[in-house]
Amino acid sequence: MSFLFKGDENPRQRFAGEIMPDLKEFFDLAVEAARKAGRIQREGLGRDIKIRLKGPKNLVTEIDKGCEEAITSLIIERYPEHGILAEEGGARKTSSPYRWIIDPLDGTTNYTHAYPFFCVSIALEENGEIVVGVVYDPVKDEMFCARKREGAWMNGCPVHVSRIDKLEKALVAAGRLTKKDRDVDVQFASFRKLASKALALRIDGAAALDMCYVAIGRFDAFWEYGLKPWDTAAGWLIIKEAGGQVSAFNGGPFDPFGPEVLASNGIIHRMIMDNIL
């Protein structure tokens, strides 16, 4: 199926004037790459693997590296002209309008403890705008996907955010504590506020998967500070296409290259904002 933007008279054009592949080709590649990395994660889960610290409370393993290599090699093989921004250093700058944003293993700390909440996250950026998002949970074999203006799906079925309209009925997820003492104090204050008002809070440790849970209604909202674009790019599109809302903490436009994300079903967005600022 060809994907045309509203008002386009011709199929999508390459920046050099050639006909471009449609988004479905890129989407299918992202799904294939995510499954390939997911197999690596399943095979390594619970085994004795090499772990090192790349920063305070920030682990990296040979599985992260292996997944990133599996994903980037597949992309380069198919689209050698595309740019890449990946968490473990797999960056390629090119003149192409396309750039892949990749977290090969989101939830590495969970993974190293065999805590089954981790995923692969792959997004495609076209001229600075996210147009494809894929997040894969290899433990549950759940594939969360979105294409710009075409909707969001889990395992091929359309998904939508929840209809919860009261904070006392909301299941809310939060991210890990940040490293600065002041940030921790601020986040604990937000926890206290929301714990007294929301139905329940969860901290599961994989932002991309948390965002997908908002998209399908398992969570009603999620917030975290200190994230990177590979944590949020795919999840942002999946939530948007599922009818949700994503913003900065103050309600301003979401920037995947900014440090903060607030995601919700849209109905309780303001309620969450009022309790985390």
C-alpha atoms as a PDB file:
ATOM      1  CA  MET A   1       0.000   0.000   0.000  1.00  0.00           C
ATOM      2  CA  SER A   2       1.396   3.379  -0.956  1.00  0.00           C
ATOM      3  CA  PHE A   3       1.421   6.057   1.717  1.00  0.00           C
ATOM      4  CA  LEU A   4       0.564   9.578   0.537  1.00  0.00           C
ATOM      5  CA  PHE A   5       0.471  12.720   2.613  1.00  0.00           C
ATOM      6  CA  LYS A   6      -2.674  14.785   2.351  1.00  0.00           C
ATOM      7  CA  GLY A   7      -2.371  17.039  -0.683  1.00  0.00           C
ATOM      8  CA  ASP A   8       0.366  15.022  -2.378  1.00  0.00           C
ATOM      9  CA  GLU A   9      -0.200  14.648  -6.093  1.00  0.00           C
ATOM     10  CA  ASN A  10       2.538  12.115  -6.684  1.00  0.00           C
ATOM     11  CA  PRO A  11       4.150   9.274  -4.746  1.00  0.00           C
ATOM     12  CA  ARG A  12       6.778  10.270  -2.205  1.00  0.00           C
ATOM     13  CA  GLN A  13       9.883  11.667  -3.858  1.00  0.00           C
ATOM     14  CA  ARG A  14      13.499  11.103  -2.936  1.00  0.00           C
ATOM     15  CA  PHE A  15      15.399  14.293  -2.118  1.00  0.00           C
ATOM     16  CA  ALA A  16      17.263  13.819  -5.409  1.00  0.00           C
ATOM     17  CA  GLY A  17      13.974  13.616  -7.328  1.00  0.00           C
ATOM     18  CA  GLU A  18      13.666   9.822  -7.526  1.00  0.00           C
ATOM     19  CA  ILE A  19      10.621   7.886  -6.367  1.00  0.00           C
ATOM     20  CA  MET A  20      10.991   6.917  -2.717  1.00  0.00           C
ATOM     21  CA  PRO A  21      10.040   3.640  -1.047  1.00  0.00           C
ATOM     22  CA  ASP A  22       6.816   4.080   0.913  1.00  0.00           C
ATOM     23  CA  LEU A  23       6.721   3.942   4.697  1.00  0.00           C
ATOM     24  CA  LYS A  24       5.571   0.338   4.724  1.00  0.00           C
ATOM     25  CA  GLU A  25       8.965  -0.805   3.400  1.00  0.00           C
ATOM     26  CA  PHE A  26      10.714   1.015   6.240  1.00  0.00           C
ATOM     27  CA  PHE A  27       8.116  -0.215   8.711  1.00  0.00           C
ATOM     28  CA  ASP A  28       8.619  -3.827   7.656  1.00  0.00           C
ATOM     29  CA  LEU A  29      12.380  -3.420   8.036  1.00  0.00           C
ATOM     30  CA  ALA A  30      11.958  -2.029  11.554  1.00  0.00           C
ATOM     31  CA  VAL A  31       9.755  -4.977  12.536  1.00  0.00           C
ATOM     32  CA  GLU A  32      12.249  -7.453  11.064  1.00  0.00           C
ATOM     33  CA  ALA A  33      15.175  -5.794  12.863  1.00  0.00           C
ATOM     34  CA  ALA A  34      13.283  -5.669  16.165  1.00  0.00           C
ATOM     35  CA  ARG A  35      12.479  -9.385  15.986  1.00  0.00           C
ATOM     36  CA  LYS A  36      16.103 -10.170  15.157  1.00  0.00           C
ATOM     37  CA  ALA A  37      17.306  -8.248  18.232  1.00  0.00           C
ATOM     38  CA  GLY A  38      14.539  -9.793  20.326  1.00  0.00           C
ATOM     39  CA  ARG A  39      15.814 -13.290  19.516  1.00  0.00           C
ATOM     40  CA  ILE A  40      19.258 -12.290  20.780  1.00  0.00           C
ATOM     41  CA  GLN A  41      17.706 -11.024  24.007  1.00  0.00           C
ATOM     42  CA  ARG A  42      15.715 -14.208  24.583  1.00  0.00           C
ATOM     43  CA  GLU A  43      18.741 -16.417  23.950  1.00  0.00           C
ATOM     44  CA  GLY A  44      20.903 -14.469  26.402  1.00  0.00           C
ATOM     45  CA  LEU A  45      18.333 -14.003  29.155  1.00  0.00           C
ATOM     46  CA  GLY A  46      19.433 -15.483  32.464  1.00  0.00           C
ATOM     47  CA  ARG A  47      22.888 -16.467  31.181  1.00  0.00           C
ATOM     48  CA  ASP A  48      26.257 -15.300  32.459  1.00  0.00           C
ATOM     49  CA  ILE A  49      26.907 -12.217  30.330  1.00  0.00           C
ATOM     50  CA  LYS A  50      29.531  -9.479  30.406  1.00  0.00           C
ATOM     51  CA  ILE A  51      28.327  -6.302  32.124  1.00  0.00           C
ATOM     52  CA  ARG A  52      30.066  -2.980  32.577  1.00  0.00           C
ATOM     53  CA  LEU A  53      29.131   0.473  33.854  1.00  0.00           C
ATOM     54  CA  LYS A  54      29.076   3.225  31.241  1.00  0.00           C
ATOM     55  CA  GLY A  55      27.942   5.778  33.825  1.00  0.00           C
ATOM     56  CA  PRO A  56      26.378   5.981  37.311  1.00  0.00           C
ATOM     57  CA  LYS A  57      23.521   3.445  37.479  1.00  0.00           C
ATOM     58  CA  ASN A  58      23.854   2.917  33.727  1.00  0.00           C
ATOM     59  CA  LEU A  59      24.760  -0.582  32.582  1.00  0.00           C
ATOM     60  CA  VAL A  60      25.725  -1.925  29.188  1.00  0.00           C
ATOM     61  CA  THR A  61      26.104  -5.586  28.245  1.00  0.00           C
ATOM     62  CA  GLU A  62      27.336  -7.651  25.339  1.00  0.00           C
ATOM     63  CA  ILE A  63      23.644  -8.221  24.564  1.00  0.00           C
ATOM     64  CA  ASP A  64      23.116  -4.459  24.057  1.00  0.00           C
ATOM     65  CA  LYS A  65      26.064  -4.438  21.676  1.00  0.00           C
ATOM     66  CA  GLY A  66      24.975  -7.565  19.833  1.00  0.00           C
ATOM     67  CA  CYS A  67      21.426  -6.277  19.374  1.00  0.00           C
ATOM     68  CA  GLU A  68      22.644  -2.930  18.087  1.00  0.00           C
ATOM     69  CA  GLU A  69      24.949  -4.614  15.580  1.00  0.00           C
ATOM     70  CA  ALA A  70      22.117  -6.867  14.381  1.00  0.00           C
ATOM     71  CA  ILE A  71      19.812  -3.892  13.836  1.00  0.00           C
ATOM     72  CA  THR A  72      22.283  -1.477  12.267  1.00  0.00           C
ATOM     73  CA  SER A  73      23.824  -4.054   9.939  1.00  0.00           C
ATOM     74  CA  LEU A  74      20.383  -4.865   8.556  1.00  0.00           C
ATOM     75  CA  ILE A  75      19.592  -1.186   8.015  1.00  0.00           C
ATOM     76  CA  ILE A  76      22.933  -0.480   6.350  1.00  0.00           C
ATOM     77  CA  GLU A  77      22.523  -3.498   4.090  1.00  0.00           C
ATOM     78  CA  ARG A  78      19.114  -2.276   2.859  1.00  0.00           C
ATOM     79  CA  TYR A  79      19.552   1.481   3.040  1.00  0.00           C
ATOM     80  CA  PRO A  80      23.261   2.374   3.175  1.00  0.00           C
ATOM     81  CA  GLU A  81      22.459   6.050   2.602  1.00  0.00           C
ATOM     82  CA  HIS A  82      20.375   6.374   5.795  1.00  0.00           C
ATOM     83  CA  GLY A  83      21.638   7.979   8.975  1.00  0.00           C
ATOM     84  CA  ILE A  84      21.669   6.182  12.334  1.00  0.00           C
ATOM     85  CA  LEU A  85      21.547   7.328  15.955  1.00  0.00           C
ATOM     86  CA  ALA A  86      21.862   4.387  18.346  1.00  0.00           C
ATOM     87  CA  GLU A  87      22.402   4.264  22.104  1.00  0.00           C
ATOM     88  CA  GLU A  88      25.607   2.243  22.143  1.00  0.00           C
ATOM     89  CA  GLY A  89      27.522   4.442  19.744  1.00  0.00           C
ATOM     90  CA  GLY A  90      26.314   3.276  16.350  1.00  0.00           C
ATOM     91  CA  ALA A  91      26.008   6.767  14.843  1.00  0.00           C
ATOM     92  CA  ARG A  92      26.173   7.483  11.101  1.00  0.00           C
ATOM     93  CA  LYS A  93      25.720  10.987   9.697  1.00  0.00           C
ATOM     94  CA  THR A  94      24.606  11.146   6.082  1.00  0.00           C
ATOM     95  CA  SER A  95      22.881  13.578   3.720  1.00  0.00           C
ATOM     96  CA  SER A  96      19.753  11.431   3.633  1.00  0.00           C
ATOM     97  CA  PRO A  97      16.509  12.880   5.086  1.00  0.00           C
ATOM     98  CA  TYR A  98      16.129   9.581   6.940  1.00  0.00           C
ATOM     99  CA  ARG A  99      17.680   8.676  10.276  1.00  0.00           C
ATOM    100  CA  TRP A 100      17.024   5.594  12.409  1.00  0.00           C
ATOM    101  CA  ILE A 101      16.883   6.140  16.190  1.00  0.00           C
ATOM    102  CA  ILE A 102      17.594   2.907  18.040  1.00  0.00           C
ATOM    103  CA  ASP A 103      17.622   1.577  21.582  1.00  0.00           C
ATOM    104  CA  PRO A 104      18.805  -2.010  21.117  1.00  0.00           C
ATOM    105  CA  LEU A 105      17.901  -3.004  24.688  1.00  0.00           C
ATOM    106  CA  ASP A 106      15.762  -0.656  26.741  1.00  0.00           C
ATOM    107  CA  GLY A 107      15.717  -1.873  30.333  1.00  0.00           C
ATOM    108  CA  THR A 108      19.260  -3.225  30.561  1.00  0.00           C
ATOM    109  CA  THR A 109      19.235  -3.292  34.376  1.00  0.00           C
ATOM    110  CA  ASN A 110      16.046  -5.347  34.294  1.00  0.00           C
ATOM    111  CA  TYR A 111      17.618  -7.642  31.717  1.00  0.00           C
ATOM    112  CA  THR A 112      20.733  -8.302  33.783  1.00  0.00           C
ATOM    113  CA  HIS A 113      18.492  -9.372  36.690  1.00  0.00           C
ATOM    114  CA  ALA A 114      16.230 -11.490  34.448  1.00  0.00           C
ATOM    115  CA  TYR A 115      13.369  -9.168  35.370  1.00  0.00           C
ATOM    116  CA  PRO A 116      11.081  -9.623  32.340  1.00  0.00           C
ATOM    117  CA  PHE A 117      10.424  -6.004  31.418  1.00  0.00           C
ATOM    118  CA  PHE A 118      12.688  -4.869  28.586  1.00  0.00           C
ATOM    119  CA  CYS A 119      12.397  -4.286  24.866  1.00  0.00           C
ATOM    120  CA  VAL A 120      13.846  -3.203  21.529  1.00  0.00           C
ATOM    121  CA  SER A 121      12.934   0.297  20.314  1.00  0.00           C
ATOM    122  CA  ILE A 122      13.366   1.482  16.716  1.00  0.00           C
ATOM    123  CA  ALA A 123      12.115   4.742  15.202  1.00  0.00           C
ATOM    124  CA  LEU A 124      12.595   6.288  11.786  1.00  0.00           C
ATOM    125  CA  GLU A 125      12.949  10.037  11.442  1.00  0.00           C
ATOM    126  CA  GLU A 126      12.236  11.777   8.130  1.00  0.00           C
ATOM    127  CA  ASN A 127      13.471  15.376   7.894  1.00  0.00           C
ATOM    128  CA  GLY A 128      13.378  15.619  11.678  1.00  0.00           C
ATOM    129  CA  GLU A 129       9.915  14.079  12.123  1.00  0.00           C
ATOM    130  CA  ILE A 130       9.239  10.576  13.480  1.00  0.00           C
ATOM    131  CA  VAL A 131       7.286   8.608  10.857  1.00  0.00           C
ATOM    132  CA  VAL A 132       7.741   4.973  11.969  1.00  0.00           C
ATOM    133  CA  GLY A 133       7.894   3.544  15.487  1.00  0.00           C
ATOM    134  CA  VAL A 134       8.391  -0.072  16.554  1.00  0.00           C
ATOM    135  CA  VAL A 135       8.846  -1.431  20.085  1.00  0.00           C
ATOM    136  CA  TYR A 136       9.193  -5.170  20.647  1.00  0.00           C
ATOM    137  CA  ASP A 137       8.858  -7.062  23.933  1.00  0.00           C
ATOM    138  CA  PRO A 138      10.506 -10.445  23.248  1.00  0.00           C
ATOM    139  CA  VAL A 139       9.340 -12.018  26.516  1.00  0.00           C
ATOM    140  CA  LYS A 140       5.632 -11.599  25.788  1.00  0.00           C
ATOM    141  CA  ASP A 141       6.156 -11.568  22.003  1.00  0.00           C
ATOM    142  CA  GLU A 142       4.312  -8.238  21.810  1.00  0.00           C
ATOM    143  CA  MET A 143       5.073  -5.968  18.856  1.00  0.00           C
ATOM    144  CA  PHE A 144       3.903  -2.365  19.250  1.00  0.00           C
ATOM    145  CA  CYS A 145       3.966  -0.389  15.998  1.00  0.00           C
ATOM    146  CA  ALA A 146       2.887   2.863  14.395  1.00  0.00           C
ATOM    147  CA  ARG A 147       3.155   4.652  11.070  1.00  0.00           C
ATOM    148  CA  LYS A 148       2.510   8.368  10.831  1.00  0.00           C
ATOM    149  CA  ARG A 149      -1.161   9.099  10.094  1.00  0.00           C
ATOM    150  CA  GLU A 150      -1.955   5.398   9.716  1.00  0.00           C
ATOM    151  CA  GLY A 151      -2.551   4.308  13.305  1.00  0.00           C
ATOM    152  CA  ALA A 152      -0.966   2.133  15.975  1.00  0.00           C
ATOM    153  CA  TRP A 153      -1.121  -1.618  16.521  1.00  0.00           C
ATOM    154  CA  MET A 154      -0.079  -4.389  18.868  1.00  0.00           C
ATOM    155  CA  ASN A 155       0.555  -7.685  17.096  1.00  0.00           C
ATOM    156  CA  GLY A 156      -1.417  -6.403  14.129  1.00  0.00           C
ATOM    157  CA  CYS A 157      -4.505  -5.284  16.067  1.00  0.00           C
ATOM    158  CA  PRO A 158      -5.384  -1.563  16.299  1.00  0.00           C
ATOM    159  CA  VAL A 159      -4.876  -0.041  19.746  1.00  0.00           C
ATOM    160  CA  HIS A 160      -6.160   3.038  21.546  1.00  0.00           C
ATOM    161  CA  VAL A 161      -5.379   4.789  24.811  1.00  0.00           C
ATOM    162  CA  SER A 162      -7.636   4.336  27.823  1.00  0.00           C
ATOM    163  CA  ARG A 163     -10.775   6.352  28.584  1.00  0.00           C
ATOM    164  CA  ILE A 164      -9.987   6.848  32.281  1.00  0.00           C
ATOM    165  CA  ASP A 165     -11.075  10.353  33.228  1.00  0.00           C
ATOM    166  CA  LYS A 166     -10.329  10.529  36.953  1.00  0.00           C
ATOM    167  CA  LEU A 167      -6.941  10.433  38.657  1.00  0.00           C
ATOM    168  CA  GLU A 168      -8.266   8.151  41.399  1.00  0.00           C
ATOM    169  CA  LYS A 169      -8.987   5.524  38.727  1.00  0.00           C
ATOM    170  CA  ALA A 170      -5.648   5.895  36.949  1.00  0.00           C
ATOM    171  CA  LEU A 171      -2.720   3.479  36.937  1.00  0.00           C
ATOM    172  CA  VAL A 172       0.317   5.719  36.481  1.00  0.00           C
ATOM    173  CA  ALA A 173       3.895   4.732  35.623  1.00  0.00           C
ATOM    174  CA  ALA A 174       7.051   6.660  36.463  1.00  0.00           C
ATOM    175  CA  GLY A 175      10.641   6.330  35.386  1.00  0.00           C
ATOM    176  CA  ARG A 176      13.790   5.650  37.342  1.00  0.00           C
ATOM    177  CA  LEU A 177      15.100   8.236  39.760  1.00  0.00           C
ATOM    178  CA  THR A 178      17.587  10.676  38.270  1.00  0.00           C
ATOM    179  CA  LYS A 179      21.056  10.986  39.682  1.00  0.00           C
ATOM    180  CA  LYS A 180      21.171  14.499  41.144  1.00  0.00           C
ATOM    181  CA  ASP A 181      20.011  14.800  44.741  1.00  0.00           C
ATOM    182  CA  ARG A 182      17.725  17.723  43.926  1.00  0.00           C
ATOM    183  CA  ASP A 183      16.075  15.801  41.065  1.00  0.00           C
ATOM    184  CA  VAL A 184      15.497  12.831  43.354  1.00  0.00           C
ATOM    185  CA  ASP A 185      13.853  15.090  45.933  1.00  0.00           C
ATOM    186  CA  VAL A 186      11.601  16.627  43.288  1.00  0.00           C
ATOM    187  CA  GLN A 187      10.633  13.224  41.933  1.00  0.00           C
ATOM    188  CA  PHE A 188       9.867  11.837  45.393  1.00  0.00           C
ATOM    189  CA  ALA A 189       7.621  14.849  45.973  1.00  0.00           C
ATOM    190  CA  SER A 190       5.757  13.984  42.762  1.00  0.00           C
ATOM    191  CA  PHE A 191       5.480  10.349  43.873  1.00  0.00           C
ATOM    192  CA  ARG A 192       3.948  11.427  47.171  1.00  0.00           C
ATOM    193  CA  LYS A 193       1.373  13.636  45.468  1.00  0.00           C
ATOM    194  CA  LEU A 194       0.345  11.039  42.920  1.00  0.00           C
ATOM    195  CA  ALA A 195       0.409   8.148  45.387  1.00  0.00           C
ATOM    196  CA  SER A 196      -2.239   9.908  47.451  1.00  0.00           C
ATOM    197  CA  LYS A 197      -4.446  10.632  44.421  1.00  0.00           C
ATOM    198  CA  ALA A 198      -3.954   7.984  41.733  1.00  0.00           C
ATOM    199  CA  LEU A 199      -5.235   4.422  41.905  1.00  0.00           C
ATOM    200  CA  ALA A 200      -1.631   3.134  41.913  1.00  0.00           C
ATOM    201  CA  LEU A 201       1.915   3.900  40.754  1.00  0.00           C
ATOM    202  CA  ARG A 202       4.415   1.635  39.007  1.00  0.00           C
ATOM    203  CA  ILE A 203       8.130   1.924  38.217  1.00  0.00           C
ATOM    204  CA  ASP A 204       9.116  -0.784  35.737  1.00  0.00           C
ATOM    205  CA  GLY A 205      12.375   0.522  34.292  1.00  0.00           C
ATOM    206  CA  ALA A 206      11.922   0.557  30.510  1.00  0.00           C
ATOM    207  CA  ALA A 207      10.565   3.862  29.207  1.00  0.00           C
ATOM    208  CA  ALA A 208       9.818   2.680  25.662  1.00  0.00           C
ATOM    209  CA  LEU A 209       7.678  -0.167  26.975  1.00  0.00           C
ATOM    210  CA  ASP A 210       6.010   2.089  29.552  1.00  0.00           C
ATOM    211  CA  MET A 211       4.994   4.425  26.730  1.00  0.00           C
ATOM    212  CA  CYS A 212       3.551   1.544  24.718  1.00  0.00           C
ATOM    213  CA  TYR A 213       1.524   0.508  27.760  1.00  0.00           C
ATOM    214  CA  VAL A 214       0.007   4.000  27.747  1.00  0.00           C
ATOM    215  CA  ALA A 215      -0.789   3.563  24.048  1.00  0.00           C
ATOM    216  CA  ILE A 216      -2.766   0.363  24.636  1.00  0.00           C
ATOM    217  CA  GLY A 217      -4.412   1.432  27.902  1.00  0.00           C
ATOM    218  CA  ARG A 218      -2.502  -0.717  30.393  1.00  0.00           C
ATOM    219  CA  PHE A 219      -1.197   2.514  31.897  1.00  0.00           C
ATOM    220  CA  ASP A 220      -3.150   5.750  31.873  1.00  0.00           C
ATOM    221  CA  ALA A 221      -0.075   7.986  32.140  1.00  0.00           C
ATOM    222  CA  PHE A 222       3.724   7.888  32.369  1.00  0.00           C
ATOM    223  CA  TRP A 223       6.373  10.436  33.205  1.00  0.00           C
ATOM    224  CA  GLU A 224      10.148  10.427  33.472  1.00  0.00           C
ATOM    225  CA  TYR A 225      13.074  12.843  33.504  1.00  0.00           C
ATOM    226  CA  GLY A 226      16.557  12.252  32.104  1.00  0.00           C
ATOM    227  CA  LEU A 227      15.654  10.317  28.953  1.00  0.00           C
ATOM    228  CA  LYS A 228      17.352  10.199  25.550  1.00  0.00           C
ATOM    229  CA  PRO A 229      15.781  10.207  22.062  1.00  0.00           C
ATOM    230  CA  TRP A 230      16.250   6.463  21.634  1.00  0.00           C
ATOM    231  CA  ASP A 231      14.153   5.937  24.784  1.00  0.00           C
ATOM    232  CA  THR A 232      11.147   7.907  23.571  1.00  0.00           C
ATOM    233  CA  ALA A 233      11.095   8.401  19.782  1.00  0.00           C
ATOM    234  CA  ALA A 234       9.203   5.224  18.850  1.00  0.00           C
ATOM    235  CA  GLY A 235       6.922   5.376  21.898  1.00  0.00           C
ATOM    236  CA  TRP A 236       5.981   8.984  21.110  1.00  0.00           C
ATOM    237  CA  LEU A 237       4.618   8.062  17.685  1.00  0.00           C
ATOM    238  CA  ILE A 238       2.841   4.952  18.973  1.00  0.00           C
ATOM    239  CA  ILE A 239       1.036   6.986  21.657  1.00  0.00           C
ATOM    240  CA  LYS A 240       0.134   9.785  19.250  1.00  0.00           C
ATOM    241  CA  GLU A 241      -1.260   7.345  16.707  1.00  0.00           C
ATOM    242  CA  ALA A 242      -3.209   5.604  19.489  1.00  0.00           C
ATOM    243  CA  GLY A 243      -4.951   8.866  20.362  1.00  0.00           C
ATOM    244  CA  GLY A 244      -2.864   9.877  23.380  1.00  0.00           C
ATOM    245  CA  GLN A 245      -0.920  12.982  24.316  1.00  0.00           C
ATOM    246  CA  VAL A 246       2.811  13.464  24.860  1.00  0.00           C
ATOM    247  CA  SER A 247       4.378  16.687  26.122  1.00  0.00           C
ATOM    248  CA  ALA A 248       7.038  18.232  28.277  1.00  0.00           C
ATOM    249  CA  PHE A 249       6.213  18.380  31.998  1.00  0.00           C
ATOM    250  CA  ASN A 250       4.774  21.895  31.614  1.00  0.00           C
ATOM    251  CA  GLY A 251       2.516  20.861  28.738  1.00  0.00           C
ATOM    252  CA  GLY A 252       4.758  22.350  26.074  1.00  0.00           C
ATOM    253  CA  PRO A 253       5.660  20.489  22.866  1.00  0.00           C
ATOM    254  CA  PHE A 254       7.454  17.197  23.344  1.00  0.00           C
ATOM    255  CA  ASP A 255      11.035  17.093  22.109  1.00  0.00           C
ATOM    256  CA  PRO A 256      12.609  13.620  21.857  1.00  0.00           C
ATOM    257  CA  PHE A 257      15.983  15.329  22.298  1.00  0.00           C
ATOM    258  CA  GLY A 258      14.816  16.976  25.516  1.00  0.00           C
ATOM    259  CA  PRO A 259      15.206  15.308  28.928  1.00  0.00           C
ATOM    260  CA  GLU A 260      11.574  14.922  29.985  1.00  0.00           C
ATOM    261  CA  VAL A 261       8.421  13.191  28.828  1.00  0.00           C
ATOM    262  CA  LEU A 262       4.856  13.208  30.093  1.00  0.00           C
ATOM    263  CA  ALA A 263       2.541  10.807  28.268  1.00  0.00           C
ATOM    264  CA  SER A 264      -1.122  10.083  28.931  1.00  0.00           C
ATOM    265  CA  ASN A 265      -4.460   9.206  27.439  1.00  0.00           C
ATOM    266  CA  GLY A 266      -4.969  12.951  27.021  1.00  0.00           C
ATOM    267  CA  ILE A 267      -7.976  13.093  29.332  1.00  0.00           C
ATOM    268  CA  ILE A 268      -5.965  13.155  32.571  1.00  0.00           C
ATOM    269  CA  HIS A 269      -2.936  14.948  31.144  1.00  0.00           C
ATOM    270  CA  ARG A 270      -3.559  18.192  33.006  1.00  0.00           C
ATOM    271  CA  MET A 271      -4.211  16.290  36.248  1.00  0.00           C
ATOM    272  CA  ILE A 272      -0.801  14.585  36.008  1.00  0.00           C
ATOM    273  CA  MET A 273       0.901  17.873  35.137  1.00  0.00           C
ATOM    274  CA  ASP A 274      -0.518  19.532  38.228  1.00  0.00           C
ATOM    275  CA  ASN A 275       1.077  16.874  40.416  1.00  0.00           C
ATOM    276  CA  ILE A 276       4.566  16.581  38.946  1.00  0.00           C
ATOM    277  CA  LEU A 277       5.521  20.242  38.600  1.00  0.00           C
END
